[in-house]
Amino acid sequence: HINQIASVVGRVGRVRYDAITVLNQRVGKIVNKNEAKSSLDYI
């Protein structure tokens, strides 16, 4: 919960590496529907 900020639910991070990795359950991937209408970096 929010009173434990270091491990809080909803924290986000960006993939900055080139290595191949695979996504585990309970980690959500944000997918931009239309790059002409919204910026993933802004989101």
Full PDB file with SEQRES, HELIX, SHEET, SSBOND, CRYST1, ORIGX, SCALE, CONECT and MASTER records, all heavy atoms in Angstrom:
SEQRES   1 A   43  HIS ILE ASN GLN ILE ALA SER VAL VAL GLY ARG VAL GLY          
SEQRES   2 A   43  ARG VAL ARG TYR ASP ALA ILE THR VAL LEU ASN GLN ARG          
SEQRES   3 A   43  VAL GLY LYS ILE VAL ASN LYS ASN GLU ALA LYS SER SER          
SEQRES   4 A   43  LEU ASP TYR ILE                                              
HELIX    1 AA1 ILE A    5  SER A    7  5                                   3    
CRYST1    1.000    1.000    1.000  90.00  90.00  90.00 P 1           1          
ORIGX1      1.000000  0.000000  0.000000        0.00000                         
ORIGX2      0.000000  1.000000  0.000000        0.00000                         
ORIGX3      0.000000  0.000000  1.000000        0.00000                         
SCALE1      1.000000  0.000000  0.000000        0.00000                         
SCALE2      0.000000  1.000000  0.000000        0.00000                         
SCALE3      0.000000  0.000000  1.000000        0.00000                         
ATOM      1  N   HIS A   1       0.845  -1.186   0.000  1.00  0.00           N  
ATOM      2  CA  HIS A   1       0.000   0.000   0.000  1.00  0.00           C  
ATOM      3  C   HIS A   1       0.882   1.238   0.000  1.00  0.00           C  
ATOM      4  O   HIS A   1       2.114   1.156   0.116  1.00  0.00           O  
ATOM      5  CB  HIS A   1      -0.949  -0.031   1.194  1.00  0.00           C  
ATOM      6  CG  HIS A   1      -1.983  -1.116   1.082  1.00  0.00           C  
ATOM      7  ND1 HIS A   1      -3.131  -0.986   0.324  1.00  0.00           N  
ATOM      8  CD2 HIS A   1      -2.022  -2.374   1.609  1.00  0.00           C  
ATOM      9  CE1 HIS A   1      -3.849  -2.100   0.402  1.00  0.00           C  
ATOM     10  NE2 HIS A   1      -3.194  -2.959   1.166  1.00  0.00           N  
ATOM     11  N   ILE A   2       0.299   2.402  -0.120  1.00  0.00           N  
ATOM     12  CA  ILE A   2       1.051   3.630  -0.358  1.00  0.00           C  
ATOM     13  C   ILE A   2       1.985   3.981   0.795  1.00  0.00           C  
ATOM     14  O   ILE A   2       2.970   4.717   0.612  1.00  0.00           O  
ATOM     15  CB  ILE A   2       0.082   4.806  -0.653  1.00  0.00           C  
ATOM     16  CG1 ILE A   2       0.836   5.966  -1.312  1.00  0.00           C  
ATOM     17  CG2 ILE A   2      -0.652   5.231   0.609  1.00  0.00           C  
ATOM     18  CD1 ILE A   2       1.429   5.641  -2.661  1.00  0.00           C  
ATOM     19  N   ASN A   3       1.740   3.439   1.990  1.00  0.00           N  
ATOM     20  CA  ASN A   3       2.622   3.743   3.123  1.00  0.00           C  
ATOM     21  C   ASN A   3       3.947   2.984   3.065  1.00  0.00           C  
ATOM     22  O   ASN A   3       4.789   3.136   3.947  1.00  0.00           O  
ATOM     23  CB  ASN A   3       1.909   3.456   4.453  1.00  0.00           C  
ATOM     24  CG  ASN A   3       1.387   2.034   4.533  1.00  0.00           C  
ATOM     25  OD1 ASN A   3       1.657   1.226   3.664  1.00  0.00           O  
ATOM     26  ND2 ASN A   3       0.625   1.751   5.579  1.00  0.00           N  
ATOM     27  N   GLN A   4       4.133   2.156   2.031  1.00  0.00           N  
ATOM     28  CA  GLN A   4       5.428   1.519   1.782  1.00  0.00           C  
ATOM     29  C   GLN A   4       5.835   1.863   0.351  1.00  0.00           C  
ATOM     30  O   GLN A   4       5.727   1.052  -0.562  1.00  0.00           O  
ATOM     31  CB  GLN A   4       5.345   0.008   1.992  1.00  0.00           C  
ATOM     32  CG  GLN A   4       4.981  -0.383   3.412  1.00  0.00           C  
ATOM     33  CD  GLN A   4       4.907  -1.877   3.605  1.00  0.00           C  
ATOM     34  OE1 GLN A   4       5.749  -2.622   3.135  1.00  0.00           O  
ATOM     35  NE2 GLN A   4       3.873  -2.332   4.314  1.00  0.00           N  
ATOM     36  N   ILE A   5       6.311   3.086   0.170  1.00  0.00           N  
ATOM     37  CA  ILE A   5       6.479   3.661  -1.155  1.00  0.00           C  
ATOM     38  C   ILE A   5       7.470   2.898  -2.023  1.00  0.00           C  
ATOM     39  O   ILE A   5       7.319   2.829  -3.237  1.00  0.00           O  
ATOM     40  CB  ILE A   5       6.895   5.158  -1.043  1.00  0.00           C  
ATOM     41  CG1 ILE A   5       6.831   5.847  -2.409  1.00  0.00           C  
ATOM     42  CG2 ILE A   5       8.255   5.306  -0.398  1.00  0.00           C  
ATOM     43  CD1 ILE A   5       5.452   5.896  -3.014  1.00  0.00           C  
ATOM     44  N   ALA A   6       8.499   2.291  -1.419  1.00  0.00           N  
ATOM     45  CA  ALA A   6       9.524   1.615  -2.217  1.00  0.00           C  
ATOM     46  C   ALA A   6       8.967   0.408  -2.967  1.00  0.00           C  
ATOM     47  O   ALA A   6       9.453   0.067  -4.046  1.00  0.00           O  
ATOM     48  CB  ALA A   6      10.689   1.188  -1.328  1.00  0.00           C  
ATOM     49  N   SER A   7       7.954  -0.243  -2.392  1.00  0.00           N  
ATOM     50  CA  SER A   7       7.393  -1.442  -3.020  1.00  0.00           C  
ATOM     51  C   SER A   7       5.920  -1.266  -3.359  1.00  0.00           C  
ATOM     52  O   SER A   7       5.182  -2.238  -3.497  1.00  0.00           O  
ATOM     53  CB  SER A   7       7.565  -2.648  -2.091  1.00  0.00           C  
ATOM     54  OG  SER A   7       6.951  -2.400  -0.830  1.00  0.00           O  
ATOM     55  N   VAL A   8       5.489  -0.021  -3.532  1.00  0.00           N  
ATOM     56  CA  VAL A   8       4.070   0.272  -3.702  1.00  0.00           C  
ATOM     57  C   VAL A   8       3.506  -0.342  -4.984  1.00  0.00           C  
ATOM     58  O   VAL A   8       4.187  -0.437  -6.012  1.00  0.00           O  
ATOM     59  CB  VAL A   8       3.845   1.801  -3.691  1.00  0.00           C  
ATOM     60  CG1 VAL A   8       4.440   2.464  -4.923  1.00  0.00           C  
ATOM     61  CG2 VAL A   8       2.355   2.130  -3.565  1.00  0.00           C  
ATOM     62  N   VAL A   9       2.271  -0.777  -4.908  1.00  0.00           N  
ATOM     63  CA  VAL A   9       1.572  -1.244  -6.093  1.00  0.00           C  
ATOM     64  C   VAL A   9       1.416  -0.070  -7.068  1.00  0.00           C  
ATOM     65  O   VAL A   9       1.273   1.080  -6.660  1.00  0.00           O  
ATOM     66  CB  VAL A   9       0.197  -1.819  -5.703  1.00  0.00           C  
ATOM     67  CG1 VAL A   9      -0.755  -0.729  -5.214  1.00  0.00           C  
ATOM     68  CG2 VAL A   9      -0.436  -2.588  -6.855  1.00  0.00           C  
ATOM     69  N   GLY A  10       1.482  -0.370  -8.357  1.00  0.00           N  
ATOM     70  CA  GLY A  10       1.324   0.679  -9.360  1.00  0.00           C  
ATOM     71  C   GLY A  10       2.617   1.376  -9.752  1.00  0.00           C  
ATOM     72  O   GLY A  10       2.607   2.265 -10.607  1.00  0.00           O  
ATOM     73  N   ARG A  11       3.740   0.987  -9.162  1.00  0.00           N  
ATOM     74  CA  ARG A  11       5.002   1.615  -9.571  1.00  0.00           C  
ATOM     75  C   ARG A  11       5.345   1.176 -10.999  1.00  0.00           C  
ATOM     76  O   ARG A  11       5.035   0.049 -11.407  1.00  0.00           O  
ATOM     77  CB  ARG A  11       6.131   1.285  -8.600  1.00  0.00           C  
ATOM     78  CG  ARG A  11       6.523  -0.172  -8.542  1.00  0.00           C  
ATOM     79  CD  ARG A  11       7.493  -0.428  -7.397  1.00  0.00           C  
ATOM     80  NE  ARG A  11       8.019  -1.784  -7.413  1.00  0.00           N  
ATOM     81  CZ  ARG A  11       7.411  -2.836  -6.906  1.00  0.00           C  
ATOM     82  NH1 ARG A  11       6.212  -2.693  -6.332  1.00  0.00           N  
ATOM     83  NH2 ARG A  11       7.965  -4.040  -6.962  1.00  0.00           N  
ATOM     84  N   VAL A  12       5.969   2.071 -11.748  1.00  0.00           N  
ATOM     85  CA  VAL A  12       6.233   1.806 -13.161  1.00  0.00           C  
ATOM     86  C   VAL A  12       7.726   1.908 -13.462  1.00  0.00           C  
ATOM     87  O   VAL A  12       8.476   2.611 -12.784  1.00  0.00           O  
ATOM     88  CB  VAL A  12       5.454   2.771 -14.082  1.00  0.00           C  
ATOM     89  CG1 VAL A  12       3.970   2.478 -14.049  1.00  0.00           C  
ATOM     90  CG2 VAL A  12       5.730   4.221 -13.712  1.00  0.00           C  
ATOM     91  N   GLY A  13       8.128   1.201 -14.487  1.00  0.00           N  
ATOM     92  CA  GLY A  13       9.514   1.251 -14.951  1.00  0.00           C  
ATOM     93  C   GLY A  13       9.577   0.989 -16.438  1.00  0.00           C  
ATOM     94  O   GLY A  13       8.668   0.387 -17.013  1.00  0.00           O  
ATOM     95  N   ARG A  14      10.660   1.457 -17.045  1.00  0.00           N  
ATOM     96  CA  ARG A  14      10.838   1.273 -18.477  1.00  0.00           C  
ATOM     97  C   ARG A  14      11.965   0.285 -18.767  1.00  0.00           C  
ATOM     98  O   ARG A  14      12.965   0.243 -18.051  1.00  0.00           O  
ATOM     99  CB  ARG A  14      11.150   2.609 -19.151  1.00  0.00           C  
ATOM    100  CG  ARG A  14       9.935   3.518 -19.227  1.00  0.00           C  
ATOM    101  CD  ARG A  14      10.175   4.717 -20.123  1.00  0.00           C  
ATOM    102  NE  ARG A  14      11.056   5.696 -19.510  1.00  0.00           N  
ATOM    103  CZ  ARG A  14      11.239   6.928 -19.974  1.00  0.00           C  
ATOM    104  NH1 ARG A  14      10.602   7.312 -21.068  1.00  0.00           N  
ATOM    105  NH2 ARG A  14      12.044   7.766 -19.365  1.00  0.00           N  
ATOM    106  N   VAL A  15      11.788  -0.505 -19.805  1.00  0.00           N  
ATOM    107  CA  VAL A  15      12.828  -1.420 -20.266  1.00  0.00           C  
ATOM    108  C   VAL A  15      13.870  -0.598 -21.015  1.00  0.00           C  
ATOM    109  O   VAL A  15      13.564   0.012 -22.038  1.00  0.00           O  
ATOM    110  CB  VAL A  15      12.235  -2.511 -21.185  1.00  0.00           C  
ATOM    111  CG1 VAL A  15      13.343  -3.378 -21.761  1.00  0.00           C  
ATOM    112  CG2 VAL A  15      11.216  -3.356 -20.429  1.00  0.00           C  
ATOM    113  N   ARG A  16      15.106  -0.593 -20.503  1.00  0.00           N  
ATOM    114  CA  ARG A  16      16.174   0.218 -21.100  1.00  0.00           C  
ATOM    115  C   ARG A  16      17.315  -0.641 -21.635  1.00  0.00           C  
ATOM    116  O   ARG A  16      18.352  -0.123 -22.028  1.00  0.00           O  
ATOM    117  CB  ARG A  16      16.714   1.197 -20.054  1.00  0.00           C  
ATOM    118  CG  ARG A  16      15.666   2.146 -19.500  1.00  0.00           C  
ATOM    119  CD  ARG A  16      15.245   3.174 -20.498  1.00  0.00           C  
ATOM    120  NE  ARG A  16      16.261   4.203 -20.670  1.00  0.00           N  
ATOM    121  CZ  ARG A  16      16.145   5.227 -21.495  1.00  0.00           C  
ATOM    122  NH1 ARG A  16      15.072   5.344 -22.245  1.00  0.00           N  
ATOM    123  NH2 ARG A  16      17.103   6.118 -21.595  1.00  0.00           N  
ATOM    124  N   TYR A  17      17.130  -1.946 -21.646  1.00  0.00           N  
ATOM    125  CA  TYR A  17      18.184  -2.859 -22.073  1.00  0.00           C  
ATOM    126  C   TYR A  17      17.797  -3.516 -23.398  1.00  0.00           C  
ATOM    127  O   TYR A  17      16.640  -3.477 -23.824  1.00  0.00           O  
ATOM    128  CB  TYR A  17      18.432  -3.919 -21.003  1.00  0.00           C  
ATOM    129  CG  TYR A  17      17.160  -4.612 -20.532  1.00  0.00           C  
ATOM    130  CD1 TYR A  17      16.573  -5.636 -21.259  1.00  0.00           C  
ATOM    131  CD2 TYR A  17      16.530  -4.213 -19.355  1.00  0.00           C  
ATOM    132  CE1 TYR A  17      15.406  -6.250 -20.840  1.00  0.00           C  
ATOM    133  CE2 TYR A  17      15.359  -4.819 -18.923  1.00  0.00           C  
ATOM    134  CZ  TYR A  17      14.804  -5.838 -19.667  1.00  0.00           C  
ATOM    135  OH  TYR A  17      13.644  -6.434 -19.257  1.00  0.00           O  
ATOM    136  N   ASP A  18      18.786  -4.131 -24.044  1.00  0.00           N  
ATOM    137  CA  ASP A  18      18.557  -4.802 -25.325  1.00  0.00           C  
ATOM    138  C   ASP A  18      18.349  -6.307 -25.179  1.00  0.00           C  
ATOM    139  O   ASP A  18      17.951  -6.974 -26.135  1.00  0.00           O  
ATOM    140  CB  ASP A  18      19.755  -4.554 -26.259  1.00  0.00           C  
ATOM    141  CG  ASP A  18      19.908  -3.082 -26.627  1.00  0.00           C  
ATOM    142  OD1 ASP A  18      18.899  -2.474 -27.036  1.00  0.00           O  
ATOM    143  OD2 ASP A  18      21.024  -2.544 -26.505  1.00  0.00           O  
ATOM    144  N   ALA A  19      18.634  -6.846 -24.013  1.00  0.00           N  
ATOM    145  CA  ALA A  19      18.528  -8.293 -23.801  1.00  0.00           C  
ATOM    146  C   ALA A  19      17.084  -8.766 -23.953  1.00  0.00           C  
ATOM    147  O   ALA A  19      16.133  -8.019 -23.716  1.00  0.00           O  
ATOM    148  CB  ALA A  19      19.053  -8.651 -22.415  1.00  0.00           C  
ATOM    149  N   ILE A  20      16.939 -10.016 -24.341  1.00  0.00           N  
ATOM    150  CA  ILE A  20      15.610 -10.629 -24.446  1.00  0.00           C  
ATOM    151  C   ILE A  20      15.174 -11.074 -23.053  1.00  0.00           C  
ATOM    152  O   ILE A  20      15.883 -11.810 -22.358  1.00  0.00           O  
ATOM    153  CB  ILE A  20      15.631 -11.831 -25.403  1.00  0.00           C  
ATOM    154  CG1 ILE A  20      15.949 -11.377 -26.832  1.00  0.00           C  
ATOM    155  CG2 ILE A  20      14.287 -12.564 -25.372  1.00  0.00           C  
ATOM    156  CD1 ILE A  20      16.098 -12.523 -27.812  1.00  0.00           C  
ATOM    157  N   THR A  21      13.996 -10.637 -22.646  1.00  0.00           N  
ATOM    158  CA  THR A  21      13.413 -11.048 -21.366  1.00  0.00           C  
ATOM    159  C   THR A  21      11.936 -11.351 -21.586  1.00  0.00           C  
ATOM    160  O   THR A  21      11.345 -10.953 -22.602  1.00  0.00           O  
ATOM    161  CB  THR A  21      13.557  -9.955 -20.290  1.00  0.00           C  
ATOM    162  OG1 THR A  21      13.010  -8.727 -20.780  1.00  0.00           O  
ATOM    163  CG2 THR A  21      15.019  -9.728 -19.917  1.00  0.00           C  
ATOM    164  N   VAL A  22      11.339 -12.034 -20.618  1.00  0.00           N  
ATOM    165  CA  VAL A  22       9.937 -12.427 -20.740  1.00  0.00           C  
ATOM    166  C   VAL A  22       9.175 -11.959 -19.499  1.00  0.00           C  
ATOM    167  O   VAL A  22       9.723 -11.907 -18.395  1.00  0.00           O  
ATOM    168  CB  VAL A  22       9.827 -13.953 -20.960  1.00  0.00           C  
ATOM    169  CG1 VAL A  22      10.368 -14.713 -19.770  1.00  0.00           C  
ATOM    170  CG2 VAL A  22       8.407 -14.374 -21.286  1.00  0.00           C  
ATOM    171  N   LEU A  23       7.904 -11.628 -19.702  1.00  0.00           N  
ATOM    172  CA  LEU A  23       7.083 -11.005 -18.661  1.00  0.00           C  
ATOM    173  C   LEU A  23       6.366 -12.038 -17.801  1.00  0.00           C  
ATOM    174  O   LEU A  23       5.715 -12.938 -18.304  1.00  0.00           O  
ATOM    175  CB  LEU A  23       6.048 -10.088 -19.325  1.00  0.00           C  
ATOM    176  CG  LEU A  23       5.263  -9.130 -18.429  1.00  0.00           C  
ATOM    177  CD1 LEU A  23       6.196  -8.108 -17.802  1.00  0.00           C  
ATOM    178  CD2 LEU A  23       4.182  -8.416 -19.245  1.00  0.00           C  
ATOM    179  N   ASN A  24       6.478 -11.866 -16.488  1.00  0.00           N  
ATOM    180  CA  ASN A  24       5.822 -12.757 -15.531  1.00  0.00           C  
ATOM    181  C   ASN A  24       4.442 -12.218 -15.141  1.00  0.00           C  
ATOM    182  O   ASN A  24       4.135 -11.042 -15.339  1.00  0.00           O  
ATOM    183  CB  ASN A  24       6.695 -12.908 -14.284  1.00  0.00           C  
ATOM    184  CG  ASN A  24       6.279 -14.086 -13.421  1.00  0.00           C  
ATOM    185  OD1 ASN A  24       6.051 -15.179 -13.929  1.00  0.00           O  
ATOM    186  ND2 ASN A  24       6.194 -13.883 -12.115  1.00  0.00           N  
ATOM    187  N   GLN A  25       3.628 -13.082 -14.553  1.00  0.00           N  
ATOM    188  CA  GLN A  25       2.291 -12.689 -14.113  1.00  0.00           C  
ATOM    189  C   GLN A  25       2.352 -11.574 -13.077  1.00  0.00           C  
ATOM    190  O   GLN A  25       3.323 -11.433 -12.348  1.00  0.00           O  
ATOM    191  CB  GLN A  25       1.566 -13.889 -13.531  1.00  0.00           C  
ATOM    192  CG  GLN A  25       2.208 -14.484 -12.302  1.00  0.00           C  
ATOM    193  CD  GLN A  25       1.455 -15.674 -11.770  1.00  0.00           C  
ATOM    194  OE1 GLN A  25       0.250 -15.806 -11.964  1.00  0.00           O  
ATOM    195  NE2 GLN A  25       2.144 -16.575 -11.073  1.00  0.00           N  
ATOM    196  N   ARG A  26       1.288 -10.784 -13.024  1.00  0.00           N  
ATOM    197  CA  ARG A  26       1.108  -9.663 -12.103  1.00  0.00           C  
ATOM    198  C   ARG A  26       2.039  -8.489 -12.394  1.00  0.00           C  
ATOM    199  O   ARG A  26       2.116  -7.555 -11.606  1.00  0.00           O  
ATOM    200  CB  ARG A  26       1.239 -10.091 -10.643  1.00  0.00           C  
ATOM    201  CG  ARG A  26       0.250 -11.170 -10.207  1.00  0.00           C  
ATOM    202  CD  ARG A  26      -1.175 -10.745 -10.453  1.00  0.00           C  
ATOM    203  NE  ARG A  26      -1.518  -9.513  -9.742  1.00  0.00           N  
ATOM    204  CZ  ARG A  26      -2.568  -8.744 -10.053  1.00  0.00           C  
ATOM    205  NH1 ARG A  26      -3.341  -9.043 -11.077  1.00  0.00           N  
ATOM    206  NH2 ARG A  26      -2.819  -7.660  -9.348  1.00  0.00           N  
ATOM    207  N   VAL A  27       2.762  -8.556 -13.503  1.00  0.00           N  
ATOM    208  CA  VAL A  27       3.454  -7.381 -14.034  1.00  0.00           C  
ATOM    209  C   VAL A  27       2.721  -7.008 -15.312  1.00  0.00           C  
ATOM    210  O   VAL A  27       2.603  -7.818 -16.228  1.00  0.00           O  
ATOM    211  CB  VAL A  27       4.941  -7.650 -14.330  1.00  0.00           C  
ATOM    212  CG1 VAL A  27       5.607  -6.362 -14.802  1.00  0.00           C  
ATOM    213  CG2 VAL A  27       5.646  -8.193 -13.103  1.00  0.00           C  
ATOM    214  N   GLY A  28       2.194  -5.792 -15.351  1.00  0.00           N  
ATOM    215  CA  GLY A  28       1.422  -5.364 -16.510  1.00  0.00           C  
ATOM    216  C   GLY A  28       2.289  -4.635 -17.528  1.00  0.00           C  
ATOM    217  O   GLY A  28       3.199  -3.894 -17.174  1.00  0.00           O  
ATOM    218  N   LYS A  29       1.998  -4.863 -18.775  1.00  0.00           N  
ATOM    219  CA  LYS A  29       2.656  -4.142 -19.865  1.00  0.00           C  
ATOM    220  C   LYS A  29       1.663  -3.140 -20.446  1.00  0.00           C  
ATOM    221  O   LYS A  29       0.534  -3.488 -20.786  1.00  0.00           O  
ATOM    222  CB  LYS A  29       3.122  -5.106 -20.948  1.00  0.00           C  
ATOM    223  CG  LYS A  29       3.776  -4.420 -22.154  1.00  0.00           C  
ATOM    224  CD  LYS A  29       4.224  -5.446 -23.189  1.00  0.00           C  
ATOM    225  CE  LYS A  29       4.726  -4.768 -24.451  1.00  0.00           C  
ATOM    226  NZ  LYS A  29       5.143  -5.755 -25.479  1.00  0.00           N  
ATOM    227  N   ILE A  30       2.099  -1.872 -20.513  1.00  0.00           N  
ATOM    228  CA  ILE A  30       1.263  -0.804 -21.061  1.00  0.00           C  
ATOM    229  C   ILE A  30       1.461  -0.764 -22.573  1.00  0.00           C  
ATOM    230  O   ILE A  30       2.586  -0.597 -23.051  1.00  0.00           O  
ATOM    231  CB  ILE A  30       1.633   0.566 -20.453  1.00  0.00           C  
ATOM    232  CG1 ILE A  30       1.612   0.507 -18.920  1.00  0.00           C  
ATOM    233  CG2 ILE A  30       0.709   1.651 -20.986  1.00  0.00           C  
ATOM    234  CD1 ILE A  30       0.269   0.236 -18.315  1.00  0.00           C  
ATOM    235  N   VAL A  31       0.385  -0.921 -23.322  1.00  0.00           N  
ATOM    236  CA  VAL A  31       0.463  -0.937 -24.785  1.00  0.00           C  
ATOM    237  C   VAL A  31      -0.291   0.263 -25.339  1.00  0.00           C  
ATOM    238  O   VAL A  31      -1.483   0.448 -25.062  1.00  0.00           O  
ATOM    239  CB  VAL A  31      -0.137  -2.245 -25.354  1.00  0.00           C  
ATOM    240  CG1 VAL A  31      -0.069  -2.251 -26.872  1.00  0.00           C  
ATOM    241  CG2 VAL A  31       0.598  -3.453 -24.782  1.00  0.00           C  
ATOM    242  N   ASN A  32       0.405   1.084 -26.098  1.00  0.00           N  
ATOM    243  CA  ASN A  32      -0.196   2.265 -26.717  1.00  0.00           C  
ATOM    244  C   ASN A  32      -1.042   1.846 -27.917  1.00  0.00           C  
ATOM    245  O   ASN A  32      -0.557   1.169 -28.824  1.00  0.00           O  
ATOM    246  CB  ASN A  32       0.922   3.215 -27.161  1.00  0.00           C  
ATOM    247  CG  ASN A  32       0.407   4.604 -27.500  1.00  0.00           C  
ATOM    248  OD1 ASN A  32      -0.774   4.882 -27.369  1.00  0.00           O  
ATOM    249  ND2 ASN A  32       1.315   5.476 -27.929  1.00  0.00           N  
ATOM    250  N   LYS A  33      -2.315   2.244 -27.934  1.00  0.00           N  
ATOM    251  CA  LYS A  33      -3.208   1.835 -29.008  1.00  0.00           C  
ATOM    252  C   LYS A  33      -2.939   2.571 -30.315  1.00  0.00           C  
ATOM    253  O   LYS A  33      -3.049   1.999 -31.405  1.00  0.00           O  
ATOM    254  CB  LYS A  33      -4.670   2.073 -28.603  1.00  0.00           C  
ATOM    255  CG  LYS A  33      -5.198   1.129 -27.537  1.00  0.00           C  
ATOM    256  CD  LYS A  33      -6.666   1.423 -27.263  1.00  0.00           C  
ATOM    257  CE  LYS A  33      -7.264   0.476 -26.239  1.00  0.00           C  
ATOM    258  NZ  LYS A  33      -8.706   0.773 -25.966  1.00  0.00           N  
ATOM    259  N   ASN A  34      -2.580   3.847 -30.216  1.00  0.00           N  
ATOM    260  CA  ASN A  34      -2.426   4.655 -31.428  1.00  0.00           C  
ATOM    261  C   ASN A  34      -1.364   5.725 -31.186  1.00  0.00           C  
ATOM    262  O   ASN A  34      -1.610   6.707 -30.480  1.00  0.00           O  
ATOM    263  CB  ASN A  34      -3.766   5.299 -31.811  1.00  0.00           C  
ATOM    264  CG  ASN A  34      -3.716   5.962 -33.179  1.00  0.00           C  
ATOM    265  OD1 ASN A  34      -2.649   6.343 -33.676  1.00  0.00           O  
ATOM    266  ND2 ASN A  34      -4.877   6.108 -33.802  1.00  0.00           N  
ATOM    267  N   GLU A  35      -0.176   5.543 -31.761  1.00  0.00           N  
ATOM    268  CA  GLU A  35       0.923   6.477 -31.538  1.00  0.00           C  
ATOM    269  C   GLU A  35       0.636   7.858 -32.105  1.00  0.00           C  
ATOM    270  O   GLU A  35       1.255   8.841 -31.696  1.00  0.00           O  
ATOM    271  CB  GLU A  35       2.208   5.922 -32.150  1.00  0.00           C  
ATOM    272  CG  GLU A  35       2.732   4.682 -31.435  1.00  0.00           C  
ATOM    273  CD  GLU A  35       4.033   4.182 -32.025  1.00  0.00           C  
ATOM    274  OE1 GLU A  35       4.523   4.810 -33.006  1.00  0.00           O  
ATOM    275  OE2 GLU A  35       4.566   3.181 -31.519  1.00  0.00           O  
ATOM    276  N   ALA A  36      -0.296   7.957 -33.038  1.00  0.00           N  
ATOM    277  CA  ALA A  36      -0.635   9.269 -33.615  1.00  0.00           C  
ATOM    278  C   ALA A  36      -1.478  10.103 -32.648  1.00  0.00           C  
ATOM    279  O   ALA A  36      -1.566  11.325 -32.791  1.00  0.00           O  
ATOM    280  CB  ALA A  36      -1.377   9.080 -34.935  1.00  0.00           C  
ATOM    281  N   LYS A  37      -2.078   9.435 -31.655  1.00  0.00           N  
ATOM    282  CA  LYS A  37      -2.963  10.148 -30.733  1.00  0.00           C  
ATOM    283  C   LYS A  37      -2.406  10.255 -29.317  1.00  0.00           C  
ATOM    284  O   LYS A  37      -2.816  11.131 -28.553  1.00  0.00           O  
ATOM    285  CB  LYS A  37      -4.327   9.441 -30.687  1.00  0.00           C  
ATOM    286  CG  LYS A  37      -5.114   9.540 -31.992  1.00  0.00           C  
ATOM    287  CD  LYS A  37      -6.490   8.910 -31.839  1.00  0.00           C  
ATOM    288  CE  LYS A  37      -7.313   9.052 -33.120  1.00  0.00           C  
ATOM    289  NZ  LYS A  37      -8.657   8.452 -32.971  1.00  0.00           N  
ATOM    290  N   SER A  38      -1.501   9.357 -28.950  1.00  0.00           N  
ATOM    291  CA  SER A  38      -0.961   9.390 -27.581  1.00  0.00           C  
ATOM    292  C   SER A  38       0.486   8.941 -27.581  1.00  0.00           C  
ATOM    293  O   SER A  38       0.902   8.104 -28.378  1.00  0.00           O  
ATOM    294  CB  SER A  38      -1.797   8.504 -26.646  1.00  0.00           C  
ATOM    295  OG  SER A  38      -1.872   7.179 -27.129  1.00  0.00           O  
ATOM    296  N   SER A  39       1.245   9.528 -26.672  1.00  0.00           N  
ATOM    297  CA  SER A  39       2.666   9.213 -26.525  1.00  0.00           C  
ATOM    298  C   SER A  39       2.855   8.265 -25.348  1.00  0.00           C  
ATOM    299  O   SER A  39       2.444   8.562 -24.224  1.00  0.00           O  
ATOM    300  CB  SER A  39       3.463  10.507 -26.291  1.00  0.00           C  
ATOM    301  OG  SER A  39       4.713  10.232 -25.706  1.00  0.00           O  
ATOM    302  N   LEU A  40       3.497   7.122 -25.593  1.00  0.00           N  
ATOM    303  CA  LEU A  40       3.741   6.163 -24.521  1.00  0.00           C  
ATOM    304  C   LEU A  40       4.656   6.765 -23.463  1.00  0.00           C  
ATOM    305  O   LEU A  40       4.475   6.523 -22.264  1.00  0.00           O  
ATOM    306  CB  LEU A  40       4.359   4.876 -25.082  1.00  0.00           C  
ATOM    307  CG  LEU A  40       4.588   3.748 -24.069  1.00  0.00           C  
ATOM    308  CD1 LEU A  40       3.276   3.307 -23.421  1.00  0.00           C  
ATOM    309  CD2 LEU A  40       5.271   2.553 -24.743  1.00  0.00           C  
ATOM    310  N   ASP A  41       5.633   7.573 -23.868  1.00  0.00           N  
ATOM    311  CA  ASP A  41       6.526   8.209 -22.894  1.00  0.00           C  
ATOM    312  C   ASP A  41       5.749   9.179 -22.000  1.00  0.00           C  
ATOM    313  O   ASP A  41       5.991   9.252 -20.791  1.00  0.00           O  
ATOM    314  CB  ASP A  41       7.652   8.963 -23.609  1.00  0.00           C  
ATOM    315  CG  ASP A  41       8.699   8.026 -24.181  1.00  0.00           C  
ATOM    316  OD1 ASP A  41       8.801   6.887 -23.693  1.00  0.00           O  
ATOM    317  OD2 ASP A  41       9.408   8.419 -25.116  1.00  0.00           O  
ATOM    318  N   TYR A  42       4.823   9.923 -22.596  1.00  0.00           N  
ATOM    319  CA  TYR A  42       3.987  10.835 -21.808  1.00  0.00           C  
ATOM    320  C   TYR A  42       3.144  10.042 -20.797  1.00  0.00           C  
ATOM    321  O   TYR A  42       3.031  10.427 -19.624  1.00  0.00           O  
ATOM    322  CB  TYR A  42       3.077  11.645 -22.735  1.00  0.00           C  
ATOM    323  CG  TYR A  42       2.067  12.505 -22.030  1.00  0.00           C  
ATOM    324  CD1 TYR A  42       2.411  13.742 -21.496  1.00  0.00           C  
ATOM    325  CD2 TYR A  42       0.740  12.078 -21.882  1.00  0.00           C  
ATOM    326  CE1 TYR A  42       1.485  14.529 -20.838  1.00  0.00           C  
ATOM    327  CE2 TYR A  42      -0.199  12.853 -21.228  1.00  0.00           C  
ATOM    328  CZ  TYR A  42       0.181  14.075 -20.705  1.00  0.00           C  
ATOM    329  OH  TYR A  42      -0.756  14.851 -20.052  1.00  0.00           O  
ATOM    330  N   ILE A  43       2.568   8.942 -21.256  1.00  0.00           N  
ATOM    331  CA  ILE A  43       1.753   8.107 -20.372  1.00  0.00           C  
ATOM    332  C   ILE A  43       2.602   7.529 -19.244  1.00  0.00           C  
ATOM    333  O   ILE A  43       2.164   7.443 -18.089  1.00  0.00           O  
ATOM    334  CB  ILE A  43       1.056   7.000 -21.190  1.00  0.00           C  
ATOM    335  CG1 ILE A  43      -0.004   7.630 -22.108  1.00  0.00           C  
ATOM    336  CG2 ILE A  43       0.427   5.944 -20.275  1.00  0.00           C  
ATOM    337  CD1 ILE A  43      -0.569   6.689 -23.146  1.00  0.00           C  
TER     338      ILE A  43                                                      
MASTER        0    0    0    1    0    0    0    6  337    1    0    4          
END                                                                             
